[in-house]
Amino acid sequence: MITAEDIARFAELSGDRGRQHLEADASGRLMAHGLLTATLPTKLGGDVNFMARTMTFDFLKPVYAGDELTCDGVVESSALQATRIKVRFAFEVRNQDGEVVMRGVSSGQVPR
């Protein structure tokens, strides 16, 4: 779950102190940073020692404090080389209502 504390700590770390991340909207919601949401697929990559060369994110819906997110990744292609495996991933991040809030692709390598 994305918490208000997560958002505040990310604002401090990144220096992105946009009003939408620090002040609740008219509905009392605090919006998460897009790149905070993007840490989910990077966590998947970290689990397999993936070193990204490119990453493309499409932010489709805002994420708010209290949202529970899941990230699913799929290997779209791979190529075995002498010291590495070149890989292209696709991923989707969904909120607790099953709505896709972010999708993207990443290419890079995994050391052998």
PDB file of N, CA and C in Angstrom:
ATOM      1  N   MET A   1       0.839  -1.172   0.000  1.00  0.00           N
ATOM      2  CA  MET A   1       0.000   0.000   0.000  1.00  0.00           C
ATOM      3  C   MET A   1       0.891   1.246   0.000  1.00  0.00           C
ATOM      4  N   ILE A   2       0.518   2.206  -0.816  1.00  0.00           N
ATOM      5  CA  ILE A   2       1.197   3.499  -0.843  1.00  0.00           C
ATOM      6  C   ILE A   2       0.654   4.330   0.317  1.00  0.00           C
ATOM      7  N   THR A   3       1.527   4.818   1.166  1.00  0.00           N
ATOM      8  CA  THR A   3       1.087   5.598   2.318  1.00  0.00           C
ATOM      9  C   THR A   3       1.454   7.073   2.146  1.00  0.00           C
ATOM     10  N   ALA A   4       0.832   7.910   2.959  1.00  0.00           N
ATOM     11  CA  ALA A   4       1.181   9.337   2.973  1.00  0.00           C
ATOM     12  C   ALA A   4       2.642   9.505   3.362  1.00  0.00           C
ATOM     13  N   GLU A   5       3.136   8.646   4.250  1.00  0.00           N
ATOM     14  CA  GLU A   5       4.546   8.708   4.636  1.00  0.00           C
ATOM     15  C   GLU A   5       5.454   8.360   3.450  1.00  0.00           C
ATOM     16  N   ASP A   6       5.072   7.353   2.656  1.00  0.00           N
ATOM     17  CA  ASP A   6       5.848   7.017   1.454  1.00  0.00           C
ATOM     18  C   ASP A   6       5.964   8.238   0.541  1.00  0.00           C
ATOM     19  N   ILE A   7       4.846   8.913   0.341  1.00  0.00           N
ATOM     20  CA  ILE A   7       4.816  10.072  -0.551  1.00  0.00           C
ATOM     21  C   ILE A   7       5.692  11.184   0.010  1.00  0.00           C
ATOM     22  N   ALA A   8       5.590  11.448   1.303  1.00  0.00           N
ATOM     23  CA  ALA A   8       6.402  12.496   1.930  1.00  0.00           C
ATOM     24  C   ALA A   8       7.888  12.163   1.847  1.00  0.00           C
ATOM     25  N   ARG A   9       8.249  10.906   2.083  1.00  0.00           N
ATOM     26  CA  ARG A   9       9.661  10.512   2.026  1.00  0.00           C
ATOM     27  C   ARG A   9      10.187  10.580   0.592  1.00  0.00           C
ATOM     28  N   PHE A  10       9.354  10.197  -0.378  1.00  0.00           N
ATOM     29  CA  PHE A  10       9.787  10.279  -1.773  1.00  0.00           C
ATOM     30  C   PHE A  10       9.958  11.739  -2.189  1.00  0.00           C
ATOM     31  N   ALA A  11       9.073  12.612  -1.722  1.00  0.00           N
ATOM     32  CA  ALA A  11       9.200  14.048  -2.021  1.00  0.00           C
ATOM     33  C   ALA A  11      10.528  14.581  -1.490  1.00  0.00           C
ATOM     34  N   GLU A  12      10.891  14.166  -0.296  1.00  0.00           N
ATOM     35  CA  GLU A  12      12.155  14.611   0.301  1.00  0.00           C
ATOM     36  C   GLU A  12      13.340  14.054  -0.473  1.00  0.00           C
ATOM     37  N   LEU A  13      13.294  12.775  -0.792  1.00  0.00           N
ATOM     38  CA  LEU A  13      14.395  12.124  -1.498  1.00  0.00           C
ATOM     39  C   LEU A  13      14.577  12.674  -2.910  1.00  0.00           C
ATOM     40  N   SER A  14      13.479  12.843  -3.628  1.00  0.00           N
ATOM     41  CA  SER A  14      13.549  13.249  -5.037  1.00  0.00           C
ATOM     42  C   SER A  14      13.646  14.761  -5.212  1.00  0.00           C
ATOM     43  N   GLY A  15      13.205  15.508  -4.209  1.00  0.00           N
ATOM     44  CA  GLY A  15      13.138  16.958  -4.347  1.00  0.00           C
ATOM     45  C   GLY A  15      11.888  17.426  -5.069  1.00  0.00           C
ATOM     46  N   ASP A  16      11.033  16.487  -5.469  1.00  0.00           N
ATOM     47  CA  ASP A  16       9.777  16.831  -6.145  1.00  0.00           C
ATOM     48  C   ASP A  16       8.739  17.153  -5.078  1.00  0.00           C
ATOM     49  N   ARG A  17       8.577  18.440  -4.841  1.00  0.00           N
ATOM     50  CA  ARG A  17       7.635  18.885  -3.816  1.00  0.00           C
ATOM     51  C   ARG A  17       6.434  19.579  -4.448  1.00  0.00           C
ATOM     52  N   GLY A  18       5.988  19.024  -5.581  1.00  0.00           N
ATOM     53  CA  GLY A  18       4.802  19.559  -6.233  1.00  0.00           C
ATOM     54  C   GLY A  18       3.623  19.556  -5.275  1.00  0.00           C
ATOM     55  N   ARG A  19       2.803  20.576  -5.374  1.00  0.00           N
ATOM     56  CA  ARG A  19       1.670  20.749  -4.462  1.00  0.00           C
ATOM     57  C   ARG A  19       0.790  19.503  -4.391  1.00  0.00           C
ATOM     58  N   GLN A  20       0.581  18.823  -5.537  1.00  0.00           N
ATOM     59  CA  GLN A  20      -0.292  17.650  -5.556  1.00  0.00           C
ATOM     60  C   GLN A  20       0.250  16.515  -4.693  1.00  0.00           C
ATOM     61  N   HIS A  21       1.553  16.557  -4.367  1.00  0.00           N
ATOM     62  CA  HIS A  21       2.159  15.521  -3.537  1.00  0.00           C
ATOM     63  C   HIS A  21       2.219  15.915  -2.062  1.00  0.00           C
ATOM     64  N   LEU A  22       1.969  17.169  -1.761  1.00  0.00           N
ATOM     65  CA  LEU A  22       2.097  17.652  -0.388  1.00  0.00           C
ATOM     66  C   LEU A  22       0.781  18.120   0.216  1.00  0.00           C
ATOM     67  N   GLU A  23      -0.196  18.429  -0.640  1.00  0.00           N
ATOM     68  CA  GLU A  23      -1.487  18.926  -0.151  1.00  0.00           C
ATOM     69  C   GLU A  23      -2.601  18.036  -0.698  1.00  0.00           C
ATOM     70  N   ALA A  24      -3.500  17.650   0.183  1.00  0.00           N
ATOM     71  CA  ALA A  24      -4.630  16.815  -0.233  1.00  0.00           C
ATOM     72  C   ALA A  24      -5.525  17.580  -1.201  1.00  0.00           C
ATOM     73  N   ASP A  25      -6.135  16.857  -2.135  1.00  0.00           N
ATOM     74  CA  ASP A  25      -7.062  17.484  -3.080  1.00  0.00           C
ATOM     75  C   ASP A  25      -8.414  17.726  -2.414  1.00  0.00           C
ATOM     76  N   ALA A  26      -9.378  18.199  -3.179  1.00  0.00           N
ATOM     77  CA  ALA A  26     -10.699  18.525  -2.643  1.00  0.00           C
ATOM     78  C   ALA A  26     -11.391  17.304  -2.042  1.00  0.00           C
ATOM     79  N   SER A  27     -10.989  16.116  -2.474  1.00  0.00           N
ATOM     80  CA  SER A  27     -11.565  14.877  -1.930  1.00  0.00           C
ATOM     81  C   SER A  27     -10.754  14.333  -0.758  1.00  0.00           C
ATOM     82  N   GLY A  28      -9.723  15.080  -0.343  1.00  0.00           N
ATOM     83  CA  GLY A  28      -8.890  14.662   0.777  1.00  0.00           C
ATOM     84  C   GLY A  28      -7.812  13.661   0.421  1.00  0.00           C
ATOM     85  N   ARG A  29      -7.527  13.528  -0.876  1.00  0.00           N
ATOM     86  CA  ARG A  29      -6.548  12.537  -1.332  1.00  0.00           C
ATOM     87  C   ARG A  29      -5.199  13.190  -1.617  1.00  0.00           C
ATOM     88  N   LEU A  30      -4.140  12.475  -1.296  1.00  0.00           N
ATOM     89  CA  LEU A  30      -2.774  12.895  -1.568  1.00  0.00           C
ATOM     90  C   LEU A  30      -2.246  12.051  -2.717  1.00  0.00           C
ATOM     91  N   MET A  31      -1.815  12.692  -3.796  1.00  0.00           N
ATOM     92  CA  MET A  31      -1.372  11.969  -4.992  1.00  0.00           C
ATOM     93  C   MET A  31       0.095  11.531  -4.870  1.00  0.00           C
ATOM     94  N   ALA A  32       0.341  10.282  -5.218  1.00  0.00           N
ATOM     95  CA  ALA A  32       1.704   9.744  -5.238  1.00  0.00           C
ATOM     96  C   ALA A  32       2.445  10.246  -6.468  1.00  0.00           C
ATOM     97  N   HIS A  33       3.750  10.322  -6.367  1.00  0.00           N
ATOM     98  CA  HIS A  33       4.614  10.656  -7.499  1.00  0.00           C
ATOM     99  C   HIS A  33       4.559   9.519  -8.526  1.00  0.00           C
ATOM    100  N   GLY A  34       4.599   9.867  -9.789  1.00  0.00           N
ATOM    101  CA  GLY A  34       4.634   8.845 -10.824  1.00  0.00           C
ATOM    102  C   GLY A  34       5.834   7.931 -10.670  1.00  0.00           C
ATOM    103  N   LEU A  35       6.992   8.512 -10.358  1.00  0.00           N
ATOM    104  CA  LEU A  35       8.179   7.674 -10.231  1.00  0.00           C
ATOM    105  C   LEU A  35       8.161   6.824  -8.969  1.00  0.00           C
ATOM    106  N   LEU A  36       7.374   7.204  -7.972  1.00  0.00           N
ATOM    107  CA  LEU A  36       7.178   6.314  -6.826  1.00  0.00           C
ATOM    108  C   LEU A  36       6.415   5.077  -7.287  1.00  0.00           C
ATOM    109  N   THR A  37       5.386   5.272  -8.092  1.00  0.00           N
ATOM    110  CA  THR A  37       4.650   4.145  -8.672  1.00  0.00           C
ATOM    111  C   THR A  37       5.580   3.288  -9.533  1.00  0.00           C
ATOM    112  N   ALA A  38       6.489   3.933 -10.249  1.00  0.00           N
ATOM    113  CA  ALA A  38       7.399   3.224 -11.151  1.00  0.00           C
ATOM    114  C   ALA A  38       8.443   2.396 -10.415  1.00  0.00           C
ATOM    115  N   THR A  39       8.531   2.530  -9.090  1.00  0.00           N
ATOM    116  CA  THR A  39       9.470   1.675  -8.371  1.00  0.00           C
ATOM    117  C   THR A  39       9.005   0.227  -8.330  1.00  0.00           C
ATOM    118  N   LEU A  40       7.731  -0.032  -8.584  1.00  0.00           N
ATOM    119  CA  LEU A  40       7.256  -1.417  -8.551  1.00  0.00           C
ATOM    120  C   LEU A  40       7.894  -2.279  -9.634  1.00  0.00           C
ATOM    121  N   PRO A  41       7.871  -1.869 -10.918  1.00  0.00           N
ATOM    122  CA  PRO A  41       8.543  -2.718 -11.905  1.00  0.00           C
ATOM    123  C   PRO A  41      10.062  -2.754 -11.715  1.00  0.00           C
ATOM    124  N   THR A  42      10.665  -1.710 -11.153  1.00  0.00           N
ATOM    125  CA  THR A  42      12.105  -1.771 -10.924  1.00  0.00           C
ATOM    126  C   THR A  42      12.415  -2.778  -9.824  1.00  0.00           C
ATOM    127  N   LYS A  43      11.474  -2.966  -8.899  1.00  0.00           N
ATOM    128  CA  LYS A  43      11.646  -3.995  -7.867  1.00  0.00           C
ATOM    129  C   LYS A  43      11.631  -5.380  -8.505  1.00  0.00           C
ATOM    130  N   LEU A  44      10.719  -5.600  -9.467  1.00  0.00           N
ATOM    131  CA  LEU A  44      10.696  -6.885 -10.169  1.00  0.00           C
ATOM    132  C   LEU A  44      12.033  -7.144 -10.854  1.00  0.00           C
ATOM    133  N   GLY A  45      12.564  -6.127 -11.515  1.00  0.00           N
ATOM    134  CA  GLY A  45      13.851  -6.268 -12.186  1.00  0.00           C
ATOM    135  C   GLY A  45      14.972  -6.568 -11.210  1.00  0.00           C
ATOM    136  N   GLY A  46      14.942  -5.906 -10.062  1.00  0.00           N
ATOM    137  CA  GLY A  46      15.964  -6.139  -9.047  1.00  0.00           C
ATOM    138  C   GLY A  46      15.975  -7.564  -8.544  1.00  0.00           C
ATOM    139  N   ASP A  47      14.818  -8.203  -8.535  1.00  0.00           N
ATOM    140  CA  ASP A  47      14.728  -9.592  -8.081  1.00  0.00           C
ATOM    141  C   ASP A  47      15.521 -10.547  -8.968  1.00  0.00           C
ATOM    142  N   VAL A  48      15.743 -10.173 -10.236  1.00  0.00           N
ATOM    143  CA  VAL A  48      16.488 -11.043 -11.158  1.00  0.00           C
ATOM    144  C   VAL A  48      17.797 -10.396 -11.624  1.00  0.00           C
ATOM    145  N   ASN A  49      18.244  -9.355 -10.906  1.00  0.00           N
ATOM    146  CA  ASN A  49      19.487  -8.636 -11.224  1.00  0.00           C
ATOM    147  C   ASN A  49      19.477  -7.998 -12.605  1.00  0.00           C
ATOM    148  N   PHE A  50      18.302  -7.574 -13.035  1.00  0.00           N
ATOM    149  CA  PHE A  50      18.119  -6.918 -14.326  1.00  0.00           C
ATOM    150  C   PHE A  50      18.743  -5.527 -14.280  1.00  0.00           C
ATOM    151  N   MET A  51      19.537  -5.215 -15.302  1.00  0.00           N
ATOM    152  CA  MET A  51      20.131  -3.881 -15.451  1.00  0.00           C
ATOM    153  C   MET A  51      19.479  -3.236 -16.665  1.00  0.00           C
ATOM    154  N   ALA A  52      18.657  -2.232 -16.409  1.00  0.00           N
ATOM    155  CA  ALA A  52      17.885  -1.605 -17.478  1.00  0.00           C
ATOM    156  C   ALA A  52      18.760  -0.720 -18.344  1.00  0.00           C
ATOM    157  N   ARG A  53      18.471  -0.738 -19.613  1.00  0.00           N
ATOM    158  CA  ARG A  53      19.072   0.194 -20.557  1.00  0.00           C
ATOM    159  C   ARG A  53      18.048   1.263 -20.942  1.00  0.00           C
ATOM    160  N   THR A  54      16.802   0.834 -21.136  1.00  0.00           N
ATOM    161  CA  THR A  54      15.713   1.772 -21.428  1.00  0.00           C
ATOM    162  C   THR A  54      14.509   1.403 -20.581  1.00  0.00           C
ATOM    163  N   MET A  55      13.724   2.419 -20.252  1.00  0.00           N
ATOM    164  CA  MET A  55      12.462   2.216 -19.537  1.00  0.00           C
ATOM    165  C   MET A  55      11.473   3.235 -20.081  1.00  0.00           C
ATOM    166  N   THR A  56      10.280   2.757 -20.391  1.00  0.00           N
ATOM    167  CA  THR A  56       9.207   3.642 -20.856  1.00  0.00           C
ATOM    168  C   THR A  56       7.992   3.404 -19.984  1.00  0.00           C
ATOM    169  N   PHE A  57       7.456   4.472 -19.428  1.00  0.00           N
ATOM    170  CA  PHE A  57       6.287   4.388 -18.557  1.00  0.00           C
ATOM    171  C   PHE A  57       5.151   5.183 -19.161  1.00  0.00           C
ATOM    172  N   ASP A  58       3.956   4.615 -19.130  1.00  0.00           N
ATOM    173  CA  ASP A  58       2.730   5.335 -19.473  1.00  0.00           C
ATOM    174  C   ASP A  58       1.906   5.410 -18.196  1.00  0.00           C
ATOM    175  N   PHE A  59       1.756   6.629 -17.677  1.00  0.00           N
ATOM    176  CA  PHE A  59       0.990   6.853 -16.453  1.00  0.00           C
ATOM    177  C   PHE A  59      -0.455   7.104 -16.858  1.00  0.00           C
ATOM    178  N   LEU A  60      -1.328   6.150 -16.568  1.00  0.00           N
ATOM    179  CA  LEU A  60      -2.696   6.172 -17.084  1.00  0.00           C
ATOM    180  C   LEU A  60      -3.707   6.749 -16.105  1.00  0.00           C
ATOM    181  N   LYS A  61      -3.485   6.554 -14.818  1.00  0.00           N
ATOM    182  CA  LYS A  61      -4.396   7.058 -13.787  1.00  0.00           C
ATOM    183  C   LYS A  61      -3.567   7.468 -12.579  1.00  0.00           C
ATOM    184  N   PRO A  62      -4.019   8.456 -11.840  1.00  0.00           N
ATOM    185  CA  PRO A  62      -3.269   8.838 -10.638  1.00  0.00           C
ATOM    186  C   PRO A  62      -3.353   7.759  -9.565  1.00  0.00           C
ATOM    187  N   VAL A  63      -2.339   7.752  -8.718  1.00  0.00           N
ATOM    188  CA  VAL A  63      -2.268   6.862  -7.566  1.00  0.00           C
ATOM    189  C   VAL A  63      -2.304   7.745  -6.326  1.00  0.00           C
ATOM    190  N   TYR A  64      -3.068   7.331  -5.331  1.00  0.00           N
ATOM    191  CA  TYR A  64      -3.241   8.123  -4.120  1.00  0.00           C
ATOM    192  C   TYR A  64      -2.808   7.341  -2.892  1.00  0.00           C
ATOM    193  N   ALA A  65      -2.465   8.063  -1.832  1.00  0.00           N
ATOM    194  CA  ALA A  65      -2.172   7.425  -0.553  1.00  0.00           C
ATOM    195  C   ALA A  65      -3.362   6.530  -0.201  1.00  0.00           C
ATOM    196  N   GLY A  66      -3.055   5.323   0.236  1.00  0.00           N
ATOM    197  CA  GLY A  66      -4.089   4.342   0.565  1.00  0.00           C
ATOM    198  C   GLY A  66      -4.335   3.339  -0.539  1.00  0.00           C
ATOM    199  N   ASP A  67      -3.861   3.630  -1.756  1.00  0.00           N
ATOM    200  CA  ASP A  67      -4.026   2.675  -2.852  1.00  0.00           C
ATOM    201  C   ASP A  67      -3.120   1.466  -2.641  1.00  0.00           C
ATOM    202  N   GLU A  68      -3.648   0.304  -2.964  1.00  0.00           N
ATOM    203  CA  GLU A  68      -2.867  -0.928  -2.937  1.00  0.00           C
ATOM    204  C   GLU A  68      -2.564  -1.305  -4.374  1.00  0.00           C
ATOM    205  N   LEU A  69      -1.283  -1.434  -4.680  1.00  0.00           N
ATOM    206  CA  LEU A  69      -0.848  -1.667  -6.054  1.00  0.00           C
ATOM    207  C   LEU A  69      -0.242  -3.053  -6.208  1.00  0.00           C
ATOM    208  N   THR A  70      -0.443  -3.624  -7.393  1.00  0.00           N
ATOM    209  CA  THR A  70       0.224  -4.857  -7.778  1.00  0.00           C
ATOM    210  C   THR A  70       0.888  -4.620  -9.124  1.00  0.00           C
ATOM    211  N   CYS A  71       1.974  -5.322  -9.355  1.00  0.00           N
ATOM    212  CA  CYS A  71       2.713  -5.184 -10.608  1.00  0.00           C
ATOM    213  C   CYS A  71       2.934  -6.564 -11.199  1.00  0.00           C
ATOM    214  N   ASP A  72       2.541  -6.719 -12.450  1.00  0.00           N
ATOM    215  CA  ASP A  72       2.778  -7.962 -13.182  1.00  0.00           C
ATOM    216  C   ASP A  72       3.731  -7.671 -14.326  1.00  0.00           C
ATOM    217  N   GLY A  73       4.742  -8.519 -14.469  1.00  0.00           N
ATOM    218  CA  GLY A  73       5.704  -8.369 -15.548  1.00  0.00           C
ATOM    219  C   GLY A  73       5.773  -9.615 -16.404  1.00  0.00           C
ATOM    220  N   VAL A  74       6.069  -9.415 -17.678  1.00  0.00           N
ATOM    221  CA  VAL A  74       6.177 -10.516 -18.633  1.00  0.00           C
ATOM    222  C   VAL A  74       7.453 -10.315 -19.441  1.00  0.00           C
ATOM    223  N   VAL A  75       8.199 -11.391 -19.645  1.00  0.00           N
ATOM    224  CA  VAL A  75       9.354 -11.333 -20.531  1.00  0.00           C
ATOM    225  C   VAL A  75       8.837 -11.425 -21.954  1.00  0.00           C
ATOM    226  N   GLU A  76       9.034 -10.359 -22.728  1.00  0.00           N
ATOM    227  CA  GLU A  76       8.579 -10.346 -24.122  1.00  0.00           C
ATOM    228  C   GLU A  76       9.586 -10.994 -25.054  1.00  0.00           C
ATOM    229  N   SER A  77      10.874 -10.831 -24.733  1.00  0.00           N
ATOM    230  CA  SER A  77      11.910 -11.450 -25.560  1.00  0.00           C
ATOM    231  C   SER A  77      13.182 -11.589 -24.736  1.00  0.00           C
ATOM    232  N   SER A  78      14.017 -12.533 -25.145  1.00  0.00           N
ATOM    233  CA  SER A  78      15.316 -12.721 -24.504  1.00  0.00           C
ATOM    234  C   SER A  78      16.290 -13.273 -25.534  1.00  0.00           C
ATOM    235  N   ALA A  79      17.560 -12.960 -25.339  1.00  0.00           N
ATOM    236  CA  ALA A  79      18.609 -13.446 -26.233  1.00  0.00           C
ATOM    237  C   ALA A  79      19.833 -13.793 -25.394  1.00  0.00           C
ATOM    238  N   LEU A  80      20.203 -15.062 -25.429  1.00  0.00           N
ATOM    239  CA  LEU A  80      21.342 -15.546 -24.668  1.00  0.00           C
ATOM    240  C   LEU A  80      22.632 -15.105 -25.349  1.00  0.00           C
ATOM    241  N   GLN A  81      23.525 -14.490 -24.556  1.00  0.00           N
ATOM    242  CA  GLN A  81      24.841 -14.092 -25.046  1.00  0.00           C
ATOM    243  C   GLN A  81      25.892 -14.661 -24.111  1.00  0.00           C
ATOM    244  N   ALA A  82      27.161 -14.466 -24.428  1.00  0.00           N
ATOM    245  CA  ALA A  82      28.245 -15.102 -23.672  1.00  0.00           C
ATOM    246  C   ALA A  82      28.215 -14.746 -22.185  1.00  0.00           C
ATOM    247  N   THR A  83      28.054 -13.488 -21.855  1.00  0.00           N
ATOM    248  CA  THR A  83      28.143 -13.068 -20.457  1.00  0.00           C
ATOM    249  C   THR A  83      26.838 -12.510 -19.894  1.00  0.00           C
ATOM    250  N   ARG A  84      25.801 -12.488 -20.726  1.00  0.00           N
ATOM    251  CA  ARG A  84      24.544 -11.895 -20.282  1.00  0.00           C
ATOM    252  C   ARG A  84      23.371 -12.456 -21.085  1.00  0.00           C
ATOM    253  N   ILE A  85      22.200 -12.117 -20.596  1.00  0.00           N
ATOM    254  CA  ILE A  85      20.967 -12.414 -21.319  1.00  0.00           C
ATOM    255  C   ILE A  85      20.296 -11.076 -21.578  1.00  0.00           C
ATOM    256  N   LYS A  86      20.143 -10.724 -22.838  1.00  0.00           N
ATOM    257  CA  LYS A  86      19.425  -9.499 -23.173  1.00  0.00           C
ATOM    258  C   LYS A  86      17.932  -9.779 -23.041  1.00  0.00           C
ATOM    259  N   VAL A  87      17.206  -8.847 -22.418  1.00  0.00           N
ATOM    260  CA  VAL A  87      15.808  -9.087 -22.075  1.00  0.00           C
ATOM    261  C   VAL A  87      14.984  -7.837 -22.354  1.00  0.00           C
ATOM    262  N   ARG A  88      13.736  -8.082 -22.753  1.00  0.00           N
ATOM    263  CA  ARG A  88      12.743  -7.007 -22.855  1.00  0.00           C
ATOM    264  C   ARG A  88      11.533  -7.433 -22.029  1.00  0.00           C
ATOM    265  N   PHE A  89      11.174  -6.592 -21.063  1.00  0.00           N
ATOM    266  CA  PHE A  89      10.027  -6.825 -20.191  1.00  0.00           C
ATOM    267  C   PHE A  89       8.886  -5.886 -20.555  1.00  0.00           C
ATOM    268  N   ALA A  90       7.672  -6.336 -20.331  1.00  0.00           N
ATOM    269  CA  ALA A  90       6.489  -5.475 -20.339  1.00  0.00           C
ATOM    270  C   ALA A  90       5.856  -5.622 -18.962  1.00  0.00           C
ATOM    271  N   PHE A  91       5.234  -4.565 -18.469  1.00  0.00           N
ATOM    272  CA  PHE A  91       4.646  -4.631 -17.139  1.00  0.00           C
ATOM    273  C   PHE A  91       3.407  -3.756 -17.048  1.00  0.00           C
ATOM    274  N   GLU A  92       2.562  -4.106 -16.086  1.00  0.00           N
ATOM    275  CA  GLU A  92       1.373  -3.321 -15.756  1.00  0.00           C
ATOM    276  C   GLU A  92       1.277  -3.202 -14.244  1.00  0.00           C
ATOM    277  N   VAL A  93       0.884  -2.021 -13.785  1.00  0.00           N
ATOM    278  CA  VAL A  93       0.612  -1.782 -12.371  1.00  0.00           C
ATOM    279  C   VAL A  93      -0.883  -1.507 -12.245  1.00  0.00           C
ATOM    280  N   ARG A  94      -1.531  -2.228 -11.335  1.00  0.00           N
ATOM    281  CA  ARG A  94      -2.976  -2.078 -11.109  1.00  0.00           C
ATOM    282  C   ARG A  94      -3.238  -1.650  -9.674  1.00  0.00           C
ATOM    283  N   ASN A  95      -4.318  -0.895  -9.505  1.00  0.00           N
ATOM    284  CA  ASN A  95      -4.732  -0.520  -8.155  1.00  0.00           C
ATOM    285  C   ASN A  95      -5.680  -1.571  -7.583  1.00  0.00           C
ATOM    286  N   GLN A  96      -6.165  -1.316  -6.390  1.00  0.00           N
ATOM    287  CA  GLN A  96      -7.026  -2.277  -5.683  1.00  0.00           C
ATOM    288  C   GLN A  96      -8.345  -2.532  -6.399  1.00  0.00           C
ATOM    289  N   ASP A  97      -8.724  -1.652  -7.326  1.00  0.00           N
ATOM    290  CA  ASP A  97      -9.954  -1.842  -8.098  1.00  0.00           C
ATOM    291  C   ASP A  97      -9.694  -2.566  -9.420  1.00  0.00           C
ATOM    292  N   GLY A  98      -8.441  -3.002  -9.642  1.00  0.00           N
ATOM    293  CA  GLY A  98      -8.092  -3.700 -10.873  1.00  0.00           C
ATOM    294  C   GLY A  98      -7.835  -2.776 -12.046  1.00  0.00           C
ATOM    295  N   GLU A  99      -7.826  -1.470 -11.804  1.00  0.00           N
ATOM    296  CA  GLU A  99      -7.584  -0.505 -12.886  1.00  0.00           C
ATOM    297  C   GLU A  99      -6.085  -0.401 -13.163  1.00  0.00           C
ATOM    298  N   VAL A 100      -5.715  -0.414 -14.437  1.00  0.00           N
ATOM    299  CA  VAL A 100      -4.316  -0.224 -14.804  1.00  0.00           C
ATOM    300  C   VAL A 100      -3.982   1.251 -14.606  1.00  0.00           C
ATOM    301  N   VAL A 101      -3.029   1.512 -13.710  1.00  0.00           N
ATOM    302  CA  VAL A 101      -2.638   2.892 -13.430  1.00  0.00           C
ATOM    303  C   VAL A 101      -1.350   3.265 -14.166  1.00  0.00           C
ATOM    304  N   MET A 102      -0.564   2.249 -14.523  1.00  0.00           N
ATOM    305  CA  MET A 102       0.682   2.488 -15.253  1.00  0.00           C
ATOM    306  C   MET A 102       1.024   1.233 -16.039  1.00  0.00           C
ATOM    307  N   ARG A 103       1.579   1.422 -17.225  1.00  0.00           N
ATOM    308  CA  ARG A 103       2.111   0.289 -17.988  1.00  0.00           C
ATOM    309  C   ARG A 103       3.384   0.751 -18.659  1.00  0.00           C
ATOM    310  N   GLY A 104       4.185  -0.208 -19.055  1.00  0.00           N
ATOM    311  CA  GLY A 104       5.425   0.178 -19.709  1.00  0.00           C
ATOM    312  C   GLY A 104       6.235  -1.009 -20.176  1.00  0.00           C
ATOM    313  N   VAL A 105       7.413  -0.687 -20.672  1.00  0.00           N
ATOM    314  CA  VAL A 105       8.367  -1.680 -21.146  1.00  0.00           C
ATOM    315  C   VAL A 105       9.764  -1.277 -20.701  1.00  0.00           C
ATOM    316  N   SER A 106      10.626  -2.253 -20.624  1.00  0.00           N
ATOM    317  CA  SER A 106      12.012  -1.999 -20.276  1.00  0.00           C
ATOM    318  C   SER A 106      12.883  -3.021 -20.990  1.00  0.00           C
ATOM    319  N   SER A 107      14.018  -2.569 -21.472  1.00  0.00           N
ATOM    320  CA  SER A 107      14.979  -3.489 -22.082  1.00  0.00           C
ATOM    321  C   SER A 107      16.317  -3.313 -21.393  1.00  0.00           C
ATOM    322  N   GLY A 108      17.071  -4.398 -21.352  1.00  0.00           N
ATOM    323  CA  GLY A 108      18.367  -4.367 -20.702  1.00  0.00           C
ATOM    324  C   GLY A 108      18.976  -5.754 -20.681  1.00  0.00           C
ATOM    325  N   GLN A 109      19.657  -6.065 -19.591  1.00  0.00           N
ATOM    326  CA  GLN A 109      20.359  -7.334 -19.532  1.00  0.00           C
ATOM    327  C   GLN A 109      20.374  -7.894 -18.110  1.00  0.00           C
ATOM    328  N   VAL A 110      20.549  -9.200 -18.066  1.00  0.00           N
ATOM    329  CA  VAL A 110      20.748  -9.931 -16.818  1.00  0.00           C
ATOM    330  C   VAL A 110      22.089 -10.642 -16.965  1.00  0.00           C
ATOM    331  N   PRO A 111      23.018 -10.410 -16.018  1.00  0.00           N
ATOM    332  CA  PRO A 111      24.302 -11.119 -16.128  1.00  0.00           C
ATOM    333  C   PRO A 111      24.112 -12.628 -15.970  1.00  0.00           C
ATOM    334  N   ARG A 112      24.942 -13.384 -16.654  1.00  0.00           N
ATOM    335  CA  ARG A 112      24.890 -14.857 -16.528  1.00  0.00           C
ATOM    336  C   ARG A 112      25.720 -15.326 -15.370  1.00  0.00           C
TER     337      ARG A 112
END
